[in-house]
mmCIF file of all heavy atoms, coordinates in Angstrom:
data_MODEL
# 
_entry.id   MODEL 
# 
loop_
_atom_site.group_PDB 
_atom_site.id 
_atom_site.type_symbol 
_atom_site.label_atom_id 
_atom_site.label_alt_id 
_atom_site.label_comp_id 
_atom_site.label_asym_id 
_atom_site.label_entity_id 
_atom_site.label_seq_id 
_atom_site.pdbx_PDB_ins_code 
_atom_site.Cartn_x 
_atom_site.Cartn_y 
_atom_site.Cartn_z 
_atom_site.occupancy 
_atom_site.B_iso_or_equiv 
_atom_site.pdbx_formal_charge 
_atom_site.auth_seq_id 
_atom_site.auth_comp_id 
_atom_site.auth_asym_id 
_atom_site.auth_atom_id 
_atom_site.pdbx_PDB_model_num 
ATOM 1   N N   . VAL A 1 1  ? -23.699 -6.467  -4.569  1.00 0.00 ? 1  VAL A N   1 
ATOM 2   C CA  . VAL A 1 1  ? -23.116 -6.980  -3.327  1.00 0.00 ? 1  VAL A CA  1 
ATOM 3   C C   . VAL A 1 1  ? -21.685 -6.475  -3.171  1.00 0.00 ? 1  VAL A C   1 
ATOM 4   O O   . VAL A 1 1  ? -20.873 -6.546  -4.098  1.00 0.00 ? 1  VAL A O   1 
ATOM 5   C CB  . VAL A 1 1  ? -23.126 -8.523  -3.320  1.00 0.00 ? 1  VAL A CB  1 
ATOM 6   C CG1 . VAL A 1 1  ? -22.392 -9.054  -2.091  1.00 0.00 ? 1  VAL A CG1 1 
ATOM 7   C CG2 . VAL A 1 1  ? -24.555 -9.049  -3.345  1.00 0.00 ? 1  VAL A CG2 1 
ATOM 8   N N   . ILE A 1 2  ? -21.358 -5.957  -1.989  1.00 0.00 ? 2  ILE A N   1 
ATOM 9   C CA  . ILE A 1 2  ? -19.989 -5.575  -1.658  1.00 0.00 ? 2  ILE A CA  1 
ATOM 10  C C   . ILE A 1 2  ? -19.521 -6.468  -0.510  1.00 0.00 ? 2  ILE A C   1 
ATOM 11  O O   . ILE A 1 2  ? -20.056 -6.365  0.601   1.00 0.00 ? 2  ILE A O   1 
ATOM 12  C CB  . ILE A 1 2  ? -19.884 -4.109  -1.204  1.00 0.00 ? 2  ILE A CB  1 
ATOM 13  C CG1 . ILE A 1 2  ? -20.455 -3.165  -2.254  1.00 0.00 ? 2  ILE A CG1 1 
ATOM 14  C CG2 . ILE A 1 2  ? -18.443 -3.751  -0.891  1.00 0.00 ? 2  ILE A CG2 1 
ATOM 15  C CD1 . ILE A 1 2  ? -20.528 -1.724  -1.784  1.00 0.00 ? 2  ILE A CD1 1 
ATOM 16  N N   . PRO A 1 3  ? -18.566 -7.341  -0.740  1.00 0.00 ? 3  PRO A N   1 
ATOM 17  C CA  . PRO A 1 3  ? -18.066 -8.172  0.359   1.00 0.00 ? 3  PRO A CA  1 
ATOM 18  C C   . PRO A 1 3  ? -17.473 -7.303  1.472   1.00 0.00 ? 3  PRO A C   1 
ATOM 19  O O   . PRO A 1 3  ? -16.770 -6.331  1.198   1.00 0.00 ? 3  PRO A O   1 
ATOM 20  C CB  . PRO A 1 3  ? -16.972 -9.022  -0.307  1.00 0.00 ? 3  PRO A CB  1 
ATOM 21  C CG  . PRO A 1 3  ? -17.306 -8.995  -1.765  1.00 0.00 ? 3  PRO A CG  1 
ATOM 22  C CD  . PRO A 1 3  ? -17.910 -7.640  -2.010  1.00 0.00 ? 3  PRO A CD  1 
ATOM 23  N N   . MET A 1 4  ? -17.793 -7.623  2.715   1.00 0.00 ? 4  MET A N   1 
ATOM 24  C CA  . MET A 1 4  ? -17.269 -6.860  3.843   1.00 0.00 ? 4  MET A CA  1 
ATOM 25  C C   . MET A 1 4  ? -15.802 -7.176  4.087   1.00 0.00 ? 4  MET A C   1 
ATOM 26  O O   . MET A 1 4  ? -15.027 -6.340  4.524   1.00 0.00 ? 4  MET A O   1 
ATOM 27  C CB  . MET A 1 4  ? -18.082 -7.162  5.106   1.00 0.00 ? 4  MET A CB  1 
ATOM 28  C CG  . MET A 1 4  ? -19.487 -6.599  5.058   1.00 0.00 ? 4  MET A CG  1 
ATOM 29  S SD  . MET A 1 4  ? -19.518 -4.802  5.137   1.00 0.00 ? 4  MET A SD  1 
ATOM 30  C CE  . MET A 1 4  ? -19.160 -4.537  6.871   1.00 0.00 ? 4  MET A CE  1 
ATOM 31  N N   . GLU A 1 5  ? -15.420 -8.422  3.794   1.00 0.00 ? 5  GLU A N   1 
ATOM 32  C CA  . GLU A 1 5  ? -14.032 -8.829  4.007   1.00 0.00 ? 5  GLU A CA  1 
ATOM 33  C C   . GLU A 1 5  ? -13.161 -8.310  2.869   1.00 0.00 ? 5  GLU A C   1 
ATOM 34  O O   . GLU A 1 5  ? -13.432 -8.564  1.698   1.00 0.00 ? 5  GLU A O   1 
ATOM 35  C CB  . GLU A 1 5  ? -13.937 -10.362 4.069   1.00 0.00 ? 5  GLU A CB  1 
ATOM 36  C CG  . GLU A 1 5  ? -12.539 -10.875 4.329   1.00 0.00 ? 5  GLU A CG  1 
ATOM 37  C CD  . GLU A 1 5  ? -12.472 -12.391 4.324   1.00 0.00 ? 5  GLU A CD  1 
ATOM 38  O OE1 . GLU A 1 5  ? -13.538 -13.034 4.224   1.00 0.00 ? 5  GLU A OE1 1 
ATOM 39  O OE2 . GLU A 1 5  ? -11.357 -12.927 4.428   1.00 0.00 ? 5  GLU A OE2 1 
ATOM 40  N N   . VAL A 1 6  ? -12.127 -7.566  3.226   1.00 0.00 ? 6  VAL A N   1 
ATOM 41  C CA  . VAL A 1 6  ? -11.221 -7.049  2.212   1.00 0.00 ? 6  VAL A CA  1 
ATOM 42  C C   . VAL A 1 6  ? -10.421 -8.212  1.637   1.00 0.00 ? 6  VAL A C   1 
ATOM 43  O O   . VAL A 1 6  ? -9.805  -8.976  2.387   1.00 0.00 ? 6  VAL A O   1 
ATOM 44  C CB  . VAL A 1 6  ? -10.275 -5.985  2.802   1.00 0.00 ? 6  VAL A CB  1 
ATOM 45  C CG1 . VAL A 1 6  ? -9.308  -5.475  1.743   1.00 0.00 ? 6  VAL A CG1 1 
ATOM 46  C CG2 . VAL A 1 6  ? -11.090 -4.827  3.369   1.00 0.00 ? 6  VAL A CG2 1 
ATOM 47  N N   . PRO A 1 7  ? -10.417 -8.412  0.323   1.00 0.00 ? 7  PRO A N   1 
ATOM 48  C CA  . PRO A 1 7  ? -9.724  -9.556  -0.279  1.00 0.00 ? 7  PRO A CA  1 
ATOM 49  C C   . PRO A 1 7  ? -8.203  -9.438  -0.147  1.00 0.00 ? 7  PRO A C   1 
ATOM 50  O O   . PRO A 1 7  ? -7.657  -8.333  -0.053  1.00 0.00 ? 7  PRO A O   1 
ATOM 51  C CB  . PRO A 1 7  ? -10.144 -9.486  -1.744  1.00 0.00 ? 7  PRO A CB  1 
ATOM 52  C CG  . PRO A 1 7  ? -10.457 -8.047  -1.977  1.00 0.00 ? 7  PRO A CG  1 
ATOM 53  C CD  . PRO A 1 7  ? -11.038 -7.543  -0.689  1.00 0.00 ? 7  PRO A CD  1 
ATOM 54  N N   . THR A 1 8  ? -7.536  -10.580 -0.147  1.00 0.00 ? 8  THR A N   1 
ATOM 55  C CA  . THR A 1 8  ? -6.080  -10.610 -0.106  1.00 0.00 ? 8  THR A CA  1 
ATOM 56  C C   . THR A 1 8  ? -5.547  -11.197 -1.403  1.00 0.00 ? 8  THR A C   1 
ATOM 57  O O   . THR A 1 8  ? -6.232  -11.976 -2.066  1.00 0.00 ? 8  THR A O   1 
ATOM 58  C CB  . THR A 1 8  ? -5.566  -11.461 1.072   1.00 0.00 ? 8  THR A CB  1 
ATOM 59  O OG1 . THR A 1 8  ? -5.969  -12.830 0.863   1.00 0.00 ? 8  THR A OG1 1 
ATOM 60  C CG2 . THR A 1 8  ? -6.135  -10.971 2.398   1.00 0.00 ? 8  THR A CG2 1 
ATOM 61  N N   . LEU A 1 9  ? -4.319  -10.820 -1.761  1.00 0.00 ? 9  LEU A N   1 
ATOM 62  C CA  . LEU A 1 9  ? -3.713  -11.362 -2.972  1.00 0.00 ? 9  LEU A CA  1 
ATOM 63  C C   . LEU A 1 9  ? -3.561  -12.875 -2.870  1.00 0.00 ? 9  LEU A C   1 
ATOM 64  O O   . LEU A 1 9  ? -3.761  -13.602 -3.850  1.00 0.00 ? 9  LEU A O   1 
ATOM 65  C CB  . LEU A 1 9  ? -2.345  -10.717 -3.206  1.00 0.00 ? 9  LEU A CB  1 
ATOM 66  C CG  . LEU A 1 9  ? -2.340  -9.223  -3.557  1.00 0.00 ? 9  LEU A CG  1 
ATOM 67  C CD1 . LEU A 1 9  ? -0.916  -8.767  -3.848  1.00 0.00 ? 9  LEU A CD1 1 
ATOM 68  C CD2 . LEU A 1 9  ? -3.236  -8.928  -4.752  1.00 0.00 ? 9  LEU A CD2 1 
ATOM 69  N N   . GLU A 1 10 ? -3.218  -13.346 -1.691  1.00 0.00 ? 10 GLU A N   1 
ATOM 70  C CA  . GLU A 1 10 ? -3.021  -14.792 -1.498  1.00 0.00 ? 10 GLU A CA  1 
ATOM 71  C C   . GLU A 1 10 ? -4.319  -15.558 -1.726  1.00 0.00 ? 10 GLU A C   1 
ATOM 72  O O   . GLU A 1 10 ? -4.348  -16.574 -2.423  1.00 0.00 ? 10 GLU A O   1 
ATOM 73  C CB  . GLU A 1 10 ? -2.512  -15.063 -0.082  1.00 0.00 ? 10 GLU A CB  1 
ATOM 74  C CG  . GLU A 1 10 ? -2.234  -16.525 0.202   1.00 0.00 ? 10 GLU A CG  1 
ATOM 75  C CD  . GLU A 1 10 ? -1.704  -16.762 1.606   1.00 0.00 ? 10 GLU A CD  1 
ATOM 76  O OE1 . GLU A 1 10 ? -1.639  -15.796 2.392   1.00 0.00 ? 10 GLU A OE1 1 
ATOM 77  O OE2 . GLU A 1 10 ? -1.366  -17.921 1.914   1.00 0.00 ? 10 GLU A OE2 1 
ATOM 78  N N   . LYS A 1 11 ? -5.417  -15.046 -1.179  1.00 0.00 ? 11 LYS A N   1 
ATOM 79  C CA  . LYS A 1 11 ? -6.696  -15.721 -1.320  1.00 0.00 ? 11 LYS A CA  1 
ATOM 80  C C   . LYS A 1 11 ? -7.205  -15.674 -2.759  1.00 0.00 ? 11 LYS A C   1 
ATOM 81  O O   . LYS A 1 11 ? -7.788  -16.652 -3.257  1.00 0.00 ? 11 LYS A O   1 
ATOM 82  C CB  . LYS A 1 11 ? -7.729  -15.082 -0.385  1.00 0.00 ? 11 LYS A CB  1 
ATOM 83  C CG  . LYS A 1 11 ? -9.082  -15.771 -0.394  1.00 0.00 ? 11 LYS A CG  1 
ATOM 84  C CD  . LYS A 1 11 ? -10.018 -15.143 0.615   1.00 0.00 ? 11 LYS A CD  1 
ATOM 85  C CE  . LYS A 1 11 ? -11.372 -15.854 0.620   1.00 0.00 ? 11 LYS A CE  1 
ATOM 86  N NZ  . LYS A 1 11 ? -12.299 -15.253 1.619   1.00 0.00 ? 11 LYS A NZ  1 
ATOM 87  N N   . MET A 1 12 ? -6.949  -14.563 -3.447  1.00 0.00 ? 12 MET A N   1 
ATOM 88  C CA  . MET A 1 12 ? -7.435  -14.401 -4.810  1.00 0.00 ? 12 MET A CA  1 
ATOM 89  C C   . MET A 1 12 ? -6.587  -15.171 -5.826  1.00 0.00 ? 12 MET A C   1 
ATOM 90  O O   . MET A 1 12 ? -7.002  -15.363 -6.965  1.00 0.00 ? 12 MET A O   1 
ATOM 91  C CB  . MET A 1 12 ? -7.458  -12.916 -5.191  1.00 0.00 ? 12 MET A CB  1 
ATOM 92  C CG  . MET A 1 12 ? -8.350  -12.056 -4.307  1.00 0.00 ? 12 MET A CG  1 
ATOM 93  S SD  . MET A 1 12 ? -10.063 -12.595 -4.221  1.00 0.00 ? 12 MET A SD  1 
ATOM 94  C CE  . MET A 1 12 ? -10.597 -12.277 -5.891  1.00 0.00 ? 12 MET A CE  1 
ATOM 95  N N   . LYS A 1 13 ? -5.404  -15.577 -5.444  1.00 0.00 ? 13 LYS A N   1 
ATOM 96  C CA  . LYS A 1 13 ? -4.501  -16.348 -6.315  1.00 0.00 ? 13 LYS A CA  1 
ATOM 97  C C   . LYS A 1 13 ? -4.230  -15.623 -7.631  1.00 0.00 ? 13 LYS A C   1 
ATOM 98  O O   . LYS A 1 13 ? -4.326  -16.188 -8.720  1.00 0.00 ? 13 LYS A O   1 
ATOM 99  C CB  . LYS A 1 13 ? -5.082  -17.747 -6.583  1.00 0.00 ? 13 LYS A CB  1 
ATOM 100 C CG  . LYS A 1 13 ? -5.223  -18.587 -5.315  1.00 0.00 ? 13 LYS A CG  1 
ATOM 101 C CD  . LYS A 1 13 ? -5.794  -19.964 -5.602  1.00 0.00 ? 13 LYS A CD  1 
ATOM 102 C CE  . LYS A 1 13 ? -5.933  -20.769 -4.318  1.00 0.00 ? 13 LYS A CE  1 
ATOM 103 N NZ  . LYS A 1 13 ? -6.530  -22.103 -4.562  1.00 0.00 ? 13 LYS A NZ  1 
ATOM 104 N N   . PHE A 1 14 ? -3.883  -14.338 -7.502  1.00 0.00 ? 14 PHE A N   1 
ATOM 105 C CA  . PHE A 1 14 ? -3.585  -13.522 -8.672  1.00 0.00 ? 14 PHE A CA  1 
ATOM 106 C C   . PHE A 1 14 ? -2.223  -13.879 -9.255  1.00 0.00 ? 14 PHE A C   1 
ATOM 107 O O   . PHE A 1 14 ? -1.366  -14.433 -8.566  1.00 0.00 ? 14 PHE A O   1 
ATOM 108 C CB  . PHE A 1 14 ? -3.589  -12.039 -8.293  1.00 0.00 ? 14 PHE A CB  1 
ATOM 109 C CG  . PHE A 1 14 ? -4.961  -11.467 -8.056  1.00 0.00 ? 14 PHE A CG  1 
ATOM 110 C CD1 . PHE A 1 14 ? -5.149  -10.434 -7.161  1.00 0.00 ? 14 PHE A CD1 1 
ATOM 111 C CD2 . PHE A 1 14 ? -6.067  -11.941 -8.739  1.00 0.00 ? 14 PHE A CD2 1 
ATOM 112 C CE1 . PHE A 1 14 ? -6.395  -9.881  -6.952  1.00 0.00 ? 14 PHE A CE1 1 
ATOM 113 C CE2 . PHE A 1 14 ? -7.327  -11.408 -8.538  1.00 0.00 ? 14 PHE A CE2 1 
ATOM 114 C CZ  . PHE A 1 14 ? -7.493  -10.374 -7.639  1.00 0.00 ? 14 PHE A CZ  1 
ATOM 115 N N   . PRO A 1 15 ? -1.984  -13.534 -10.512 1.00 0.00 ? 15 PRO A N   1 
ATOM 116 C CA  . PRO A 1 15 ? -0.662  -13.736 -11.116 1.00 0.00 ? 15 PRO A CA  1 
ATOM 117 C C   . PRO A 1 15 ? 0.427   -12.998 -10.332 1.00 0.00 ? 15 PRO A C   1 
ATOM 118 O O   . PRO A 1 15 ? 0.170   -11.975 -9.680  1.00 0.00 ? 15 PRO A O   1 
ATOM 119 C CB  . PRO A 1 15 ? -0.825  -13.136 -12.519 1.00 0.00 ? 15 PRO A CB  1 
ATOM 120 C CG  . PRO A 1 15 ? -2.288  -13.228 -12.807 1.00 0.00 ? 15 PRO A CG  1 
ATOM 121 C CD  . PRO A 1 15 ? -2.972  -13.025 -11.495 1.00 0.00 ? 15 PRO A CD  1 
ATOM 122 N N   . GLU A 1 16 ? 1.661   -13.510 -10.412 1.00 0.00 ? 16 GLU A N   1 
ATOM 123 C CA  . GLU A 1 16 ? 2.783   -12.958 -9.639  1.00 0.00 ? 16 GLU A CA  1 
ATOM 124 C C   . GLU A 1 16 ? 3.001   -11.473 -9.886  1.00 0.00 ? 16 GLU A C   1 
ATOM 125 O O   . GLU A 1 16 ? 3.354   -10.723 -8.973  1.00 0.00 ? 16 GLU A O   1 
ATOM 126 C CB  . GLU A 1 16 ? 4.076   -13.703 -9.990  1.00 0.00 ? 16 GLU A CB  1 
ATOM 127 C CG  . GLU A 1 16 ? 4.137   -15.133 -9.498  1.00 0.00 ? 16 GLU A CG  1 
ATOM 128 C CD  . GLU A 1 16 ? 5.458   -15.797 -9.879  1.00 0.00 ? 16 GLU A CD  1 
ATOM 129 O OE1 . GLU A 1 16 ? 6.507   -15.137 -9.714  1.00 0.00 ? 16 GLU A OE1 1 
ATOM 130 O OE2 . GLU A 1 16 ? 5.424   -16.939 -10.351 1.00 0.00 ? 16 GLU A OE2 1 
ATOM 131 N N   . ALA A 1 17 ? 2.809   -11.031 -11.118 1.00 0.00 ? 17 ALA A N   1 
ATOM 132 C CA  . ALA A 1 17 ? 3.102   -9.640  -11.469 1.00 0.00 ? 17 ALA A CA  1 
ATOM 133 C C   . ALA A 1 17 ? 2.260   -8.659  -10.665 1.00 0.00 ? 17 ALA A C   1 
ATOM 134 O O   . ALA A 1 17 ? 2.705   -7.532  -10.403 1.00 0.00 ? 17 ALA A O   1 
ATOM 135 C CB  . ALA A 1 17 ? 2.878   -9.417  -12.958 1.00 0.00 ? 17 ALA A CB  1 
ATOM 136 N N   . ILE A 1 18 ? 1.089   -9.072  -10.231 1.00 0.00 ? 18 ILE A N   1 
ATOM 137 C CA  . ILE A 1 18 ? 0.207   -8.152  -9.515  1.00 0.00 ? 18 ILE A CA  1 
ATOM 138 C C   . ILE A 1 18 ? 0.785   -7.813  -8.146  1.00 0.00 ? 18 ILE A C   1 
ATOM 139 O O   . ILE A 1 18 ? 0.739   -6.661  -7.703  1.00 0.00 ? 18 ILE A O   1 
ATOM 140 C CB  . ILE A 1 18 ? -1.211  -8.743  -9.416  1.00 0.00 ? 18 ILE A CB  1 
ATOM 141 C CG1 . ILE A 1 18 ? -1.814  -8.824  -10.821 1.00 0.00 ? 18 ILE A CG1 1 
ATOM 142 C CG2 . ILE A 1 18 ? -2.092  -7.914  -8.492  1.00 0.00 ? 18 ILE A CG2 1 
ATOM 143 C CD1 . ILE A 1 18 ? -3.215  -9.351  -10.893 1.00 0.00 ? 18 ILE A CD1 1 
ATOM 144 N N   . GLU A 1 19 ? 1.365   -8.788  -7.477  1.00 0.00 ? 19 GLU A N   1 
ATOM 145 C CA  . GLU A 1 19 ? 2.034   -8.486  -6.210  1.00 0.00 ? 19 GLU A CA  1 
ATOM 146 C C   . GLU A 1 19 ? 3.224   -7.559  -6.441  1.00 0.00 ? 19 GLU A C   1 
ATOM 147 O O   . GLU A 1 19 ? 3.480   -6.647  -5.650  1.00 0.00 ? 19 GLU A O   1 
ATOM 148 C CB  . GLU A 1 19 ? 2.501   -9.766  -5.519  1.00 0.00 ? 19 GLU A CB  1 
ATOM 149 C CG  . GLU A 1 19 ? 3.169   -9.499  -4.178  1.00 0.00 ? 19 GLU A CG  1 
ATOM 150 C CD  . GLU A 1 19 ? 3.579   -10.764 -3.445  1.00 0.00 ? 19 GLU A CD  1 
ATOM 151 O OE1 . GLU A 1 19 ? 3.253   -11.869 -3.926  1.00 0.00 ? 19 GLU A OE1 1 
ATOM 152 O OE2 . GLU A 1 19 ? 4.229   -10.643 -2.385  1.00 0.00 ? 19 GLU A OE2 1 
ATOM 153 N N   . ALA A 1 20 ? 3.940   -7.773  -7.536  1.00 0.00 ? 20 ALA A N   1 
ATOM 154 C CA  . ALA A 1 20 ? 5.088   -6.920  -7.854  1.00 0.00 ? 20 ALA A CA  1 
ATOM 155 C C   . ALA A 1 20 ? 4.661   -5.465  -8.053  1.00 0.00 ? 20 ALA A C   1 
ATOM 156 O O   . ALA A 1 20 ? 5.392   -4.538  -7.686  1.00 0.00 ? 20 ALA A O   1 
ATOM 157 C CB  . ALA A 1 20 ? 5.798   -7.436  -9.099  1.00 0.00 ? 20 ALA A CB  1 
ATOM 158 N N   . PHE A 1 21 ? 3.466   -5.256  -8.605  1.00 0.00 ? 21 PHE A N   1 
ATOM 159 C CA  . PHE A 1 21 ? 2.972   -3.890  -8.791  1.00 0.00 ? 21 PHE A CA  1 
ATOM 160 C C   . PHE A 1 21 ? 2.823   -3.166  -7.455  1.00 0.00 ? 21 PHE A C   1 
ATOM 161 O O   . PHE A 1 21 ? 3.000   -1.952  -7.383  1.00 0.00 ? 21 PHE A O   1 
ATOM 162 C CB  . PHE A 1 21 ? 1.618   -3.897  -9.508  1.00 0.00 ? 21 PHE A CB  1 
ATOM 163 C CG  . PHE A 1 21 ? 1.688   -4.276  -10.968 1.00 0.00 ? 21 PHE A CG  1 
ATOM 164 C CD1 . PHE A 1 21 ? 0.610   -4.892  -11.595 1.00 0.00 ? 21 PHE A CD1 1 
ATOM 165 C CD2 . PHE A 1 21 ? 2.818   -4.013  -11.723 1.00 0.00 ? 21 PHE A CD2 1 
ATOM 166 C CE1 . PHE A 1 21 ? 0.656   -5.236  -12.937 1.00 0.00 ? 21 PHE A CE1 1 
ATOM 167 C CE2 . PHE A 1 21 ? 2.880   -4.361  -13.072 1.00 0.00 ? 21 PHE A CE2 1 
ATOM 168 C CZ  . PHE A 1 21 ? 1.809   -4.969  -13.676 1.00 0.00 ? 21 PHE A CZ  1 
ATOM 169 N N   . THR A 1 22 ? 2.484   -3.898  -6.395  1.00 0.00 ? 22 THR A N   1 
ATOM 170 C CA  . THR A 1 22 ? 2.285   -3.260  -5.087  1.00 0.00 ? 22 THR A CA  1 
ATOM 171 C C   . THR A 1 22 ? 3.602   -2.798  -4.475  1.00 0.00 ? 22 THR A C   1 
ATOM 172 O O   . THR A 1 22 ? 3.599   -2.036  -3.496  1.00 0.00 ? 22 THR A O   1 
ATOM 173 C CB  . THR A 1 22 ? 1.581   -4.205  -4.095  1.00 0.00 ? 22 THR A CB  1 
ATOM 174 O OG1 . THR A 1 22 ? 2.448   -5.309  -3.766  1.00 0.00 ? 22 THR A OG1 1 
ATOM 175 C CG2 . THR A 1 22 ? 0.284   -4.743  -4.674  1.00 0.00 ? 22 THR A CG2 1 
ATOM 176 N N   . LYS A 1 23 ? 4.718   -3.249  -5.025  1.00 0.00 ? 23 LYS A N   1 
ATOM 177 C CA  . LYS A 1 23 ? 6.033   -2.857  -4.520  1.00 0.00 ? 23 LYS A CA  1 
ATOM 178 C C   . LYS A 1 23 ? 6.576   -1.616  -5.227  1.00 0.00 ? 23 LYS A C   1 
ATOM 179 O O   . LYS A 1 23 ? 7.617   -1.084  -4.842  1.00 0.00 ? 23 LYS A O   1 
ATOM 180 C CB  . LYS A 1 23 ? 7.038   -4.004  -4.685  1.00 0.00 ? 23 LYS A CB  1 
ATOM 181 C CG  . LYS A 1 23 ? 6.579   -5.359  -4.175  1.00 0.00 ? 23 LYS A CG  1 
ATOM 182 C CD  . LYS A 1 23 ? 6.248   -5.343  -2.700  1.00 0.00 ? 23 LYS A CD  1 
ATOM 183 C CE  . LYS A 1 23 ? 5.816   -6.739  -2.225  1.00 0.00 ? 23 LYS A CE  1 
ATOM 184 N NZ  . LYS A 1 23 ? 5.325   -6.721  -0.825  1.00 0.00 ? 23 LYS A NZ  1 
ATOM 185 N N   . GLU A 1 24 ? 5.884   -1.170  -6.275  1.00 0.00 ? 24 GLU A N   1 
ATOM 186 C CA  . GLU A 1 24 ? 6.330   0.016   -7.001  1.00 0.00 ? 24 GLU A CA  1 
ATOM 187 C C   . GLU A 1 24 ? 6.229   1.251   -6.106  1.00 0.00 ? 24 GLU A C   1 
ATOM 188 O O   . GLU A 1 24 ? 5.339   1.352   -5.250  1.00 0.00 ? 24 GLU A O   1 
ATOM 189 C CB  . GLU A 1 24 ? 5.481   0.235   -8.254  1.00 0.00 ? 24 GLU A CB  1 
ATOM 190 C CG  . GLU A 1 24 ? 5.611   -0.858  -9.305  1.00 0.00 ? 24 GLU A CG  1 
ATOM 191 C CD  . GLU A 1 24 ? 6.913   -0.772  -10.088 1.00 0.00 ? 24 GLU A CD  1 
ATOM 192 O OE1 . GLU A 1 24 ? 7.674   0.204   -9.890  1.00 0.00 ? 24 GLU A OE1 1 
ATOM 193 O OE2 . GLU A 1 24 ? 7.159   -1.690  -10.907 1.00 0.00 ? 24 GLU A OE2 1 
ATOM 194 N N   . SER A 1 25 ? 7.119   2.199   -6.304  1.00 0.00 ? 25 SER A N   1 
ATOM 195 C CA  . SER A 1 25 ? 7.102   3.424   -5.495  1.00 0.00 ? 25 SER A CA  1 
ATOM 196 C C   . SER A 1 25 ? 6.491   4.604   -6.244  1.00 0.00 ? 25 SER A C   1 
ATOM 197 O O   . SER A 1 25 ? 6.081   5.588   -5.622  1.00 0.00 ? 25 SER A O   1 
ATOM 198 C CB  . SER A 1 25 ? 8.521   3.785   -5.061  1.00 0.00 ? 25 SER A CB  1 
ATOM 199 O OG  . SER A 1 25 ? 9.360   3.958   -6.192  1.00 0.00 ? 25 SER A OG  1 
ATOM 200 N N   . ARG A 1 26 ? 6.401   4.509   -7.570  1.00 0.00 ? 26 ARG A N   1 
ATOM 201 C CA  . ARG A 1 26 ? 5.828   5.587   -8.362  1.00 0.00 ? 26 ARG A CA  1 
ATOM 202 C C   . ARG A 1 26 ? 5.338   5.031   -9.692  1.00 0.00 ? 26 ARG A C   1 
ATOM 203 O O   . ARG A 1 26 ? 5.681   3.915   -10.079 1.00 0.00 ? 26 ARG A O   1 
ATOM 204 C CB  . ARG A 1 26 ? 6.857   6.689   -8.606  1.00 0.00 ? 26 ARG A CB  1 
ATOM 205 C CG  . ARG A 1 26 ? 8.095   6.204   -9.333  1.00 0.00 ? 26 ARG A CG  1 
ATOM 206 C CD  . ARG A 1 26 ? 9.129   7.312   -9.478  1.00 0.00 ? 26 ARG A CD  1 
ATOM 207 N NE  . ARG A 1 26 ? 8.650   8.374   -10.371 1.00 0.00 ? 26 ARG A NE  1 
ATOM 208 C CZ  . ARG A 1 26 ? 9.345   9.480   -10.632 1.00 0.00 ? 26 ARG A CZ  1 
ATOM 209 N NH1 . ARG A 1 26 ? 10.503  9.688   -10.034 1.00 0.00 ? 26 ARG A NH1 1 
ATOM 210 N NH2 . ARG A 1 26 ? 8.870   10.369  -11.464 1.00 0.00 ? 26 ARG A NH2 1 
ATOM 211 N N   . GLY A 1 27 ? 4.521   5.825   -10.398 1.00 0.00 ? 27 GLY A N   1 
ATOM 212 C CA  . GLY A 1 27 ? 4.031   5.393   -11.696 1.00 0.00 ? 27 GLY A CA  1 
ATOM 213 C C   . GLY A 1 27 ? 2.526   5.190   -11.695 1.00 0.00 ? 27 GLY A C   1 
ATOM 214 O O   . GLY A 1 27 ? 1.831   5.470   -10.715 1.00 0.00 ? 27 GLY A O   1 
# 
């Protein structure tokens, strides 16, 4: 099964560090 709705960080309640990774510019 592939959900059609793209998940959000807020809905998934991921650890804080994961959102911080999305702010990285390289690496």
